[in-house]
C-alpha atoms as a PDB file:
ATOM      1  CA  PRO A   1      35.706  22.143  -3.926  1.00  0.00           C
ATOM      2  CA  THR A   2      33.423  22.473  -6.294  1.00  0.00           C
ATOM      3  CA  MET A   3      33.154  18.380  -6.705  1.00  0.00           C
ATOM      4  CA  GLN A   4      32.539  18.063  -3.478  1.00  0.00           C
ATOM      5  CA  LEU A   5      30.356  20.634  -2.961  1.00  0.00           C
ATOM      6  CA  TRP A   6      28.346  18.937  -5.354  1.00  0.00           C
ATOM      7  CA  LEU A   7      28.150  15.569  -4.050  1.00  0.00           C
ATOM      8  CA  VAL A   8      26.810  17.249  -0.342  1.00  0.00           C
ATOM      9  CA  VAL A   9      24.752  18.373  -2.638  1.00  0.00           C
ATOM     10  CA  VAL A  10      23.346  15.295  -4.305  1.00  0.00           C
ATOM     11  CA  LEU A  11      23.813  13.368  -0.904  1.00  0.00           C
ATOM     12  CA  ALA A  12      21.761  15.871   1.065  1.00  0.00           C
ATOM     13  CA  ALA A  13      18.806  15.707  -1.761  1.00  0.00           C
ATOM     14  CA  ALA A  14      19.074  11.575  -1.584  1.00  0.00           C
ATOM     15  CA  ALA A  15      18.705  11.876   1.858  1.00  0.00           C
ATOM     16  CA  VAL A  16      15.599  14.017   1.774  1.00  0.00           C
ATOM     17  CA  VAL A  17      13.901  12.068  -0.792  1.00  0.00           C
ATOM     18  CA  THR A  18      15.199   8.566   1.249  1.00  0.00           C
ATOM     19  CA  ALA A  19      13.333  10.554   4.734  1.00  0.00           C
ATOM     20  CA  GLN A  20      10.298  11.308   2.877  1.00  0.00           C
ATOM     21  CA  LEU A  21       9.428   7.455   1.648  1.00  0.00           C
ATOM     22  CA  PRO A  22       7.453   5.776   4.304  1.00  0.00           C
ATOM     23  CA  ILE A  23       8.237   1.942   5.094  1.00  0.00           C
ATOM     24  CA  PRO A  24       5.824  -0.594   3.884  1.00  0.00           C
ATOM     25  CA  THR A  25       3.958  -2.657   6.214  1.00  0.00           C
ATOM     26  CA  ARG A  26       4.966  -5.493   4.508  1.00  0.00           C
ATOM     27  CA  PRO A  27       7.061  -6.012   1.385  1.00  0.00           C
ATOM     28  CA  ASP A  28       4.715  -4.603  -1.551  1.00  0.00           C
ATOM     29  CA  GLY A  29       3.243  -6.184  -4.397  1.00  0.00           C
ATOM     30  CA  PHE A  30       1.227  -9.461  -4.677  1.00  0.00           C
ATOM     31  CA  GLY A  31       3.164 -12.674  -5.736  1.00  0.00           C
ATOM     32  CA  LEU A  32       2.610 -14.993  -7.974  1.00  0.00           C
ATOM     33  CA  GLY A  33       4.000 -18.567  -9.132  1.00  0.00           C
ATOM     34  CA  GLY A  34       7.573 -19.532  -7.757  1.00  0.00           C
ATOM     35  CA  SER A  35       8.939 -17.588  -4.290  1.00  0.00           C
ATOM     36  CA  ALA A  36      11.546 -15.278  -2.800  1.00  0.00           C
ATOM     37  CA  ALA A  37      14.297 -18.076  -3.375  1.00  0.00           C
ATOM     38  CA  SER A  38      12.932 -18.376  -7.437  1.00  0.00           C
ATOM     39  CA  PRO A  39      16.214 -17.192  -9.529  1.00  0.00           C
ATOM     40  CA  VAL A  40      13.999 -15.053 -11.653  1.00  0.00           C
ATOM     41  CA  GLN A  41      12.089 -12.114  -9.607  1.00  0.00           C
ATOM     42  CA  ILE A  42       9.395 -10.125 -12.385  1.00  0.00           C
ATOM     43  CA  ASP A  43       7.959  -6.979 -10.925  1.00  0.00           C
ATOM     44  CA  ALA A  44       5.050  -6.136 -12.596  1.00  0.00           C
ATOM     45  CA  PHE A  45       3.803  -2.280 -12.095  1.00  0.00           C
ATOM     46  CA  PHE A  46       0.078  -2.202 -13.153  1.00  0.00           C
ATOM     47  CA  ASP A  47      -2.884   0.348 -13.387  1.00  0.00           C
ATOM     48  CA  LEU A  48      -6.289  -1.338 -13.378  1.00  0.00           C
ATOM     49  CA  MET A  49      -7.808   1.721 -15.363  1.00  0.00           C
ATOM     50  CA  CYS A  50      -5.039   1.017 -17.780  1.00  0.00           C
ATOM     51  CA  PRO A  51      -5.749  -0.921 -20.983  1.00  0.00           C
ATOM     52  CA  ASP A  52      -2.002  -1.344 -21.660  1.00  0.00           C
ATOM     53  CA  SER A  53      -2.130  -3.038 -18.210  1.00  0.00           C
ATOM     54  CA  LYS A  54      -5.001  -5.070 -19.055  1.00  0.00           C
ATOM     55  CA  ALA A  55      -3.363  -5.936 -22.328  1.00  0.00           C
ATOM     56  CA  ALA A  56      -0.405  -8.009 -20.442  1.00  0.00           C
ATOM     57  CA  HIS A  57      -2.332  -9.625 -18.133  1.00  0.00           C
ATOM     58  CA  PRO A  58      -3.270 -12.481 -19.110  1.00  0.00           C
ATOM     59  CA  THR A  59       0.200 -12.998 -20.982  1.00  0.00           C
ATOM     60  CA  MET A  60       1.801 -12.417 -17.393  1.00  0.00           C
ATOM     61  CA  LYS A  61      -0.252 -14.834 -15.572  1.00  0.00           C
ATOM     62  CA  SER A  62       0.371 -17.499 -18.572  1.00  0.00           C
ATOM     63  CA  VAL A  63       4.346 -16.414 -17.697  1.00  0.00           C
ATOM     64  CA  ALA A  64       3.930 -17.153 -14.194  1.00  0.00           C
ATOM     65  CA  GLN A  65       2.036 -20.431 -14.948  1.00  0.00           C
ATOM     66  CA  HIS A  66       4.554 -21.462 -17.567  1.00  0.00           C
ATOM     67  CA  TYR A  67       8.053 -20.992 -15.377  1.00  0.00           C
ATOM     68  CA  ASP A  68       7.065 -21.968 -11.895  1.00  0.00           C
ATOM     69  CA  PRO A  69       8.557 -22.014  -9.585  1.00  0.00           C
ATOM     70  CA  ASP A  70      11.631 -20.766 -11.285  1.00  0.00           C
ATOM     71  CA  VAL A  71      10.295 -17.271 -11.682  1.00  0.00           C
ATOM     72  CA  ARG A  72       8.137 -15.274  -9.649  1.00  0.00           C
ATOM     73  CA  ILE A  73       5.925 -12.036 -10.704  1.00  0.00           C
ATOM     74  CA  MET A  74       5.352  -9.452  -7.863  1.00  0.00           C
ATOM     75  CA  PHE A  75       2.312  -7.160  -9.275  1.00  0.00           C
ATOM     76  CA  HIS A  76       2.432  -3.899  -7.952  1.00  0.00           C
ATOM     77  CA  THR A  77      -0.674  -1.324  -8.050  1.00  0.00           C
ATOM     78  CA  PHE A  78       0.568   2.016  -9.654  1.00  0.00           C
ATOM     79  CA  PRO A  79      -2.589   4.052 -10.388  1.00  0.00           C
ATOM     80  CA  LEU A  80      -1.971   7.045 -13.044  1.00  0.00           C
ATOM     81  CA  PRO A  81      -3.854  10.371 -12.265  1.00  0.00           C
ATOM     82  CA  TYR A  82      -5.365  10.254 -15.600  1.00  0.00           C
ATOM     83  CA  HIS A  83      -6.982   7.066 -15.594  1.00  0.00           C
ATOM     84  CA  ARG A  84     -10.136   8.099 -13.827  1.00  0.00           C
ATOM     85  CA  ASN A  85     -10.854   6.292 -10.658  1.00  0.00           C
ATOM     86  CA  ALA A  86      -7.368   4.531 -10.589  1.00  0.00           C
ATOM     87  CA  PHE A  87      -6.843   4.922  -7.000  1.00  0.00           C
ATOM     88  CA  LEU A  88     -10.062   3.398  -6.051  1.00  0.00           C
ATOM     89  CA  ALA A  89      -9.123   0.742  -8.213  1.00  0.00           C
ATOM     90  CA  ALA A  90      -5.406   0.148  -6.504  1.00  0.00           C
ATOM     91  CA  GLN A  91      -7.172   0.445  -2.729  1.00  0.00           C
ATOM     92  CA  SER A  92      -9.890  -1.898  -3.829  1.00  0.00           C
ATOM     93  CA  VAL A  93      -7.121  -4.804  -4.010  1.00  0.00           C
ATOM     94  CA  LEU A  94      -5.901  -4.198  -0.715  1.00  0.00           C
ATOM     95  CA  VAL A  95      -9.527  -4.391   0.506  1.00  0.00           C
ATOM     96  CA  ALA A  96     -10.327  -7.496  -1.564  1.00  0.00           C
ATOM     97  CA  GLU A  97      -7.230  -9.098   0.098  1.00  0.00           C
ATOM     98  CA  ASN A  98      -8.786  -8.710   3.136  1.00  0.00           C
ATOM     99  CA  VAL A  99     -12.500  -9.527   3.101  1.00  0.00           C
ATOM    100  CA  SER A 100     -12.213 -12.529   0.527  1.00  0.00           C
ATOM    101  CA  ASN A 101     -10.017 -15.570   0.580  1.00  0.00           C
ATOM    102  CA  ALA A 102     -10.121 -15.706  -3.182  1.00  0.00           C
ATOM    103  CA  SER A 103      -6.501 -14.953  -4.878  1.00  0.00           C
ATOM    104  CA  PHE A 104      -5.803 -11.360  -5.876  1.00  0.00           C
ATOM    105  CA  VAL A 105      -5.450 -12.641  -9.419  1.00  0.00           C
ATOM    106  CA  ASN A 106      -9.616 -13.575  -9.653  1.00  0.00           C
ATOM    107  CA  TRP A 107     -10.084  -9.615  -8.122  1.00  0.00           C
ATOM    108  CA  PHE A 108      -7.384  -8.077 -11.009  1.00  0.00           C
ATOM    109  CA  ASP A 109      -9.075 -10.401 -13.737  1.00  0.00           C
ATOM    110  CA  ALA A 110     -12.851  -8.839 -12.334  1.00  0.00           C
ATOM    111  CA  VAL A 111     -11.498  -5.259 -12.315  1.00  0.00           C
ATOM    112  CA  PHE A 112      -9.686  -5.733 -16.110  1.00  0.00           C
ATOM    113  CA  GLU A 113     -12.994  -7.293 -17.145  1.00  0.00           C
ATOM    114  CA  ALA A 114     -15.918  -4.483 -15.634  1.00  0.00           C
ATOM    115  CA  GLN A 115     -13.070  -1.886 -16.837  1.00  0.00           C
ATOM    116  CA  ASP A 116     -14.651  -0.077 -19.230  1.00  0.00           C
ATOM    117  CA  THR A 117     -17.684   0.961 -16.716  1.00  0.00           C
ATOM    118  CA  PHE A 118     -15.258   2.308 -14.166  1.00  0.00           C
ATOM    119  CA  GLY A 119     -13.998   5.316 -17.057  1.00  0.00           C
ATOM    120  CA  HIS A 120     -15.546   7.622 -18.749  1.00  0.00           C
ATOM    121  CA  ALA A 121     -19.069   5.904 -18.222  1.00  0.00           C
ATOM    122  CA  ALA A 122     -18.328   7.010 -14.065  1.00  0.00           C
ATOM    123  CA  ASP A 123     -17.798  10.291 -15.275  1.00  0.00           C
ATOM    124  CA  ASN A 124     -20.871  11.604 -13.122  1.00  0.00           C
ATOM    125  CA  LEU A 125     -20.841   9.387 -10.785  1.00  0.00           C
ATOM    126  CA  ASN A 126     -19.455  10.851  -7.168  1.00  0.00           C
ATOM    127  CA  GLN A 127     -16.938   8.737  -5.198  1.00  0.00           C
ATOM    128  CA  PRO A 128     -19.417   6.763  -2.708  1.00  0.00           C
ATOM    129  CA  GLU A 129     -21.207   5.356  -5.897  1.00  0.00           C
ATOM    130  CA  VAL A 130     -17.851   4.567  -7.725  1.00  0.00           C
ATOM    131  CA  ILE A 131     -17.188   2.741  -4.384  1.00  0.00           C
ATOM    132  CA  SER A 132     -20.427   1.001  -4.412  1.00  0.00           C
ATOM    133  CA  MET A 133     -20.075  -0.314  -7.870  1.00  0.00           C
ATOM    134  CA  PHE A 134     -16.792  -1.680  -6.770  1.00  0.00           C
ATOM    135  CA  ALA A 135     -18.293  -3.386  -3.888  1.00  0.00           C
ATOM    136  CA  ASP A 136     -21.032  -4.790  -6.340  1.00  0.00           C
ATOM    137  CA  LEU A 137     -18.656  -6.455  -8.402  1.00  0.00           C
ATOM    138  CA  ALA A 138     -17.065  -7.849  -5.308  1.00  0.00           C
ATOM    139  CA  VAL A 139     -20.207  -9.411  -4.380  1.00  0.00           C
ATOM    140  CA  LYS A 140     -20.953 -10.809  -7.596  1.00  0.00           C
ATOM    141  CA  LYS A 141     -17.201 -11.776  -8.501  1.00  0.00           C
ATOM    142  CA  LEU A 142     -15.624 -12.979  -4.985  1.00  0.00           C
ATOM    143  CA  GLY A 143     -18.750 -13.305  -3.040  1.00  0.00           C
ATOM    144  CA  VAL A 144     -18.069 -11.011  -0.373  1.00  0.00           C
ATOM    145  CA  SER A 145     -20.548  -8.851   1.945  1.00  0.00           C
ATOM    146  CA  LYS A 146     -20.915  -5.681   0.339  1.00  0.00           C
ATOM    147  CA  ASP A 147     -21.229  -3.498   3.508  1.00  0.00           C
ATOM    148  CA  ASP A 148     -17.612  -5.226   4.646  1.00  0.00           C
ATOM    149  CA  PHE A 149     -16.317  -4.175   1.007  1.00  0.00           C
ATOM    150  CA  VAL A 150     -17.996  -0.476   1.465  1.00  0.00           C
ATOM    151  CA  ALA A 151     -16.554  -0.162   4.658  1.00  0.00           C
ATOM    152  CA  GLY A 152     -12.787  -1.360   3.207  1.00  0.00           C
ATOM    153  CA  MET A 153     -12.998   1.497   1.048  1.00  0.00           C
ATOM    154  CA  ASN A 154     -13.579   4.173   3.217  1.00  0.00           C
ATOM    155  CA  ASP A 155     -11.112   2.706   6.080  1.00  0.00           C
ATOM    156  CA  ALA A 156      -8.127   5.021   6.510  1.00  0.00           C
ATOM    157  CA  ASN A 157      -5.587   2.111   6.496  1.00  0.00           C
ATOM    158  CA  PHE A 158      -5.872   0.924   3.685  1.00  0.00           C
ATOM    159  CA  ASN A 159      -6.293   3.983   1.906  1.00  0.00           C
ATOM    160  CA  TRP A 160      -2.578   4.880   3.322  1.00  0.00           C
ATOM    161  CA  ASN A 161      -1.500   1.546   2.284  1.00  0.00           C
ATOM    162  CA  ALA A 162      -2.633   1.937  -1.264  1.00  0.00           C
ATOM    163  CA  ARG A 163      -0.798   5.357  -0.978  1.00  0.00           C
ATOM    164  CA  VAL A 164       2.559   3.820   0.616  1.00  0.00           C
ATOM    165  CA  SER A 165       2.465   1.569  -2.491  1.00  0.00           C
ATOM    166  CA  TRP A 166       1.887   4.161  -5.066  1.00  0.00           C
ATOM    167  CA  LYS A 167       4.910   5.536  -3.166  1.00  0.00           C
ATOM    168  CA  TYR A 168       7.091   2.393  -3.550  1.00  0.00           C
ATOM    169  CA  GLY A 169       6.810   2.368  -7.022  1.00  0.00           C
ATOM    170  CA  CYS A 170       7.931   6.164  -7.466  1.00  0.00           C
ATOM    171  CA  SER A 171      10.944   5.122  -5.243  1.00  0.00           C
ATOM    172  CA  ARG A 172      11.384   2.666  -8.310  1.00  0.00           C
ATOM    173  CA  GLY A 173      10.981   5.092 -11.442  1.00  0.00           C
ATOM    174  CA  VAL A 174       8.055   4.153 -12.240  1.00  0.00           C
ATOM    175  CA  ALA A 175       5.778   6.804 -14.105  1.00  0.00           C
ATOM    176  CA  GLY A 176       3.643   4.640 -16.278  1.00  0.00           C
ATOM    177  CA  THR A 177       2.189   1.701 -16.312  1.00  0.00           C
ATOM    178  CA  PRO A 178       2.703  -1.138 -17.287  1.00  0.00           C
ATOM    179  CA  ILE A 179       6.168  -1.270 -15.965  1.00  0.00           C
ATOM    180  CA  PHE A 180       8.447  -4.354 -15.768  1.00  0.00           C
ATOM    181  CA  MET A 181      11.674  -5.546 -13.992  1.00  0.00           C
ATOM    182  CA  VAL A 182      13.773  -8.408 -14.206  1.00  0.00           C
ATOM    183  CA  ASN A 183      15.908  -9.354 -11.176  1.00  0.00           C
ATOM    184  CA  GLY A 184      15.544  -5.405 -10.667  1.00  0.00           C
ATOM    185  CA  VAL A 185      16.616  -4.257 -14.078  1.00  0.00           C
ATOM    186  CA  ALA A 186      13.979  -2.367 -16.045  1.00  0.00           C
ATOM    187  CA  VAL A 187      12.734  -4.533 -19.430  1.00  0.00           C
ATOM    188  CA  ASP A 188      11.384  -2.264 -22.405  1.00  0.00           C
ATOM    189  CA  ALA A 189       8.968  -4.910 -22.639  1.00  0.00           C
ATOM    190  CA  ASP A 190       5.850  -4.477 -24.543  1.00  0.00           C
ATOM    191  CA  PRO A 191       2.472  -4.876 -23.285  1.00  0.00           C
ATOM    192  CA  THR A 192       1.326  -6.731 -26.196  1.00  0.00           C
ATOM    193  CA  TRP A 193       4.646  -9.897 -25.804  1.00  0.00           C
ATOM    194  CA  THR A 194       3.490 -13.090 -25.996  1.00  0.00           C
ATOM    195  CA  LEU A 195       4.730 -16.161 -23.685  1.00  0.00           C
ATOM    196  CA  LEU A 196       7.466 -16.917 -26.524  1.00  0.00           C
ATOM    197  CA  GLN A 197       8.784 -13.371 -26.806  1.00  0.00           C
ATOM    198  CA  TRP A 198       9.277 -13.346 -22.812  1.00  0.00           C
ATOM    199  CA  GLN A 199      11.035 -16.398 -23.346  1.00  0.00           C
ATOM    200  CA  GLN A 200      13.248 -14.843 -25.306  1.00  0.00           C
ATOM    201  CA  VAL A 201      13.994 -12.960 -22.184  1.00  0.00           C
ATOM    202  CA  ILE A 202      13.594 -15.695 -19.633  1.00  0.00           C
ATOM    203  CA  ASP A 203      15.086 -17.999 -20.472  1.00  0.00           C
ATOM    204  CA  PRO A 204      19.029 -17.406 -20.681  1.00  0.00           C
ATOM    205  CA  LEU A 205      18.956 -16.077 -16.937  1.00  0.00           C
ATOM    206  CA  LEU A 206      17.563 -19.769 -16.231  1.00  0.00           C
ATOM    207  CA  ASN A 207      19.799 -21.211 -18.548  1.00  0.00           C
ATOM    208  CA  PRO A 208      22.984 -18.846 -19.009  1.00  0.00           C
ATOM    209  CA  SER A 209      24.686 -21.487 -21.502  1.00  0.00           C
ATOM    210  CA  ARG A 210      22.015 -21.327 -23.958  1.00  0.00           C
ATOM    211  CA  SER A 211      22.936 -17.876 -26.059  1.00  0.00           C
ATOM    212  CA  PHE A 212      21.082 -14.973 -26.541  1.00  0.00           C
ATOM    213  CA  ARG A 213      18.961 -14.822 -29.986  1.00  0.00           C
ATOM    214  CA  SER A 214      20.829 -13.702 -32.717  1.00  0.00           C
ATOM    215  CA  ARG A 215      20.083 -13.738 -36.418  1.00  0.00           C
ATOM    216  CA  LEU A 216      22.886 -13.174 -39.363  1.00  0.00           C
ATOM    217  CA  SER A 217      20.000 -11.715 -41.620  1.00  0.00           C
ATOM    218  CA  THR A 218      19.327  -7.965 -41.658  1.00  0.00           C
ATOM    219  CA  CYS A 219      22.772  -6.506 -41.073  1.00  0.00           C
ATOM    220  CA  PRO A 220      25.855  -5.872 -43.015  1.00  0.00           C
ATOM    221  CA  THR A 221      28.287  -8.388 -44.166  1.00  0.00           C
ATOM    222  CA  GLY A 222      30.961  -9.197 -41.088  1.00  0.00           C
ATOM    223  CA  THR A 223      28.081  -8.002 -38.593  1.00  0.00           C
ATOM    224  CA  VAL A 224      25.748 -10.008 -36.579  1.00  0.00           C
ATOM    225  CA  THR A 225      22.218  -9.062 -35.994  1.00  0.00           C
ATOM    226  CA  CYS A 226      21.513  -9.156 -32.390  1.00  0.00           C
ATOM    227  CA  GLU A 227      17.863  -9.063 -31.222  1.00  0.00           C
ATOM    228  CA  TYR A 228      18.567  -8.041 -27.846  1.00  0.00           C
ATOM    229  CA  LEU A 229      14.782  -7.946 -26.841  1.00  0.00           C
ATOM    230  CA  PRO A 230      11.648  -9.452 -28.714  1.00  0.00           C
ATOM    231  CA  GLY A 231      11.513  -7.089 -31.974  1.00  0.00           C
ATOM    232  CA  LYS A 232      14.782  -4.914 -31.241  1.00  0.00           C
ATOM    233  CA  THR A 233      18.156  -5.331 -32.859  1.00  0.00           C
ATOM    234  CA  GLU A 234      20.963  -4.359 -33.028  1.00  0.00           C
ATOM    235  CA  CYS A 235      24.503  -4.830 -35.601  1.00  0.00           C
ATOM    236  CA  CYS A 236      27.490  -6.225 -33.619  1.00  0.00           C
ATOM    237  CA  THR A 237      30.948  -5.915 -35.217  1.00  0.00           C
ATOM    238  CA  PRO A 238      33.365  -8.527 -34.574  1.00  0.00           C
ATOM    239  CA  GLY A 239      34.415  -8.544 -31.128  1.00  0.00           C
ATOM    240  CA  GLU A 240      31.483  -7.230 -29.281  1.00  0.00           C
ATOM    241  CA  GLY A 241      28.611  -9.930 -27.811  1.00  0.00           C
ATOM    242  CA  CYS A 242      24.527  -9.590 -28.019  1.00  0.00           C
ATOM    243  CA  ILE A 243      23.490  -9.144 -24.024  1.00  0.00           C
ATOM    244  CA  PRO A 244      20.349  -9.357 -23.534  1.00  0.00           C
ATOM    245  CA  ASN A 245      18.279  -6.683 -22.620  1.00  0.00           C
ATOM    246  CA  VAL A 246      21.386  -4.104 -23.434  1.00  0.00           C
ATOM    247  CA  GLY A 247      22.340  -5.377 -27.202  1.00  0.00           C
ATOM    248  CA  CYS A 248      25.848  -5.117 -28.504  1.00  0.00           C
ATOM    249  CA  ARG A 249      28.709  -4.532 -26.045  1.00  0.00           C
ATOM    250  CA  CYS A 250      32.342  -5.393 -25.770  1.00  0.00           C
END
């Protein structure tokens, strides 16, 4: 009876959480490379005001270019509350997509480049002034109308869609940035990873016959060094295999 009651409580809580999550008007995120049919799907959750997201961005673009059409990367905005103007930056991506024909990547590039100007340098600015800054950047980088961009930033629908996108990230268990998921599974990737390090994760997925990188150098005699993620190792005992993103398992 106690176990049954516990299950009822858990299921009821899950139902409440599900009911509180708005359904996006379209699949969340902005795709780069590949397609929905690509065998490897990467979800990257970025905060445009996050230095680590900025650091990871160039490599993710390289990954998409290197593996196209076999890998698709979906970029999701996930503004963190402790990064100044992060939510306005997230909303600006939706506005830029609406008022410009440029790729979302161009806007990501522009905002990351100007990231410092929207941080503490904007401490004494009010929201309309910050919106004006985003609009000036859009005029410079995207060639759009400032009035159109400001109107979009003040549009309740874009504001709501940015909030729904953030809630989507929460539903996926995202709590920081950058966060990466490969085929729906969280990967403890470092923002400083290079293309070569991402290849260690992706190549075995595209070619299952290729064994994951294992080395015989640092573990005790009779065991095998398993580098299950770039820079992360375990020592596999006889009978254990080296599983990408997991480590040594029977």
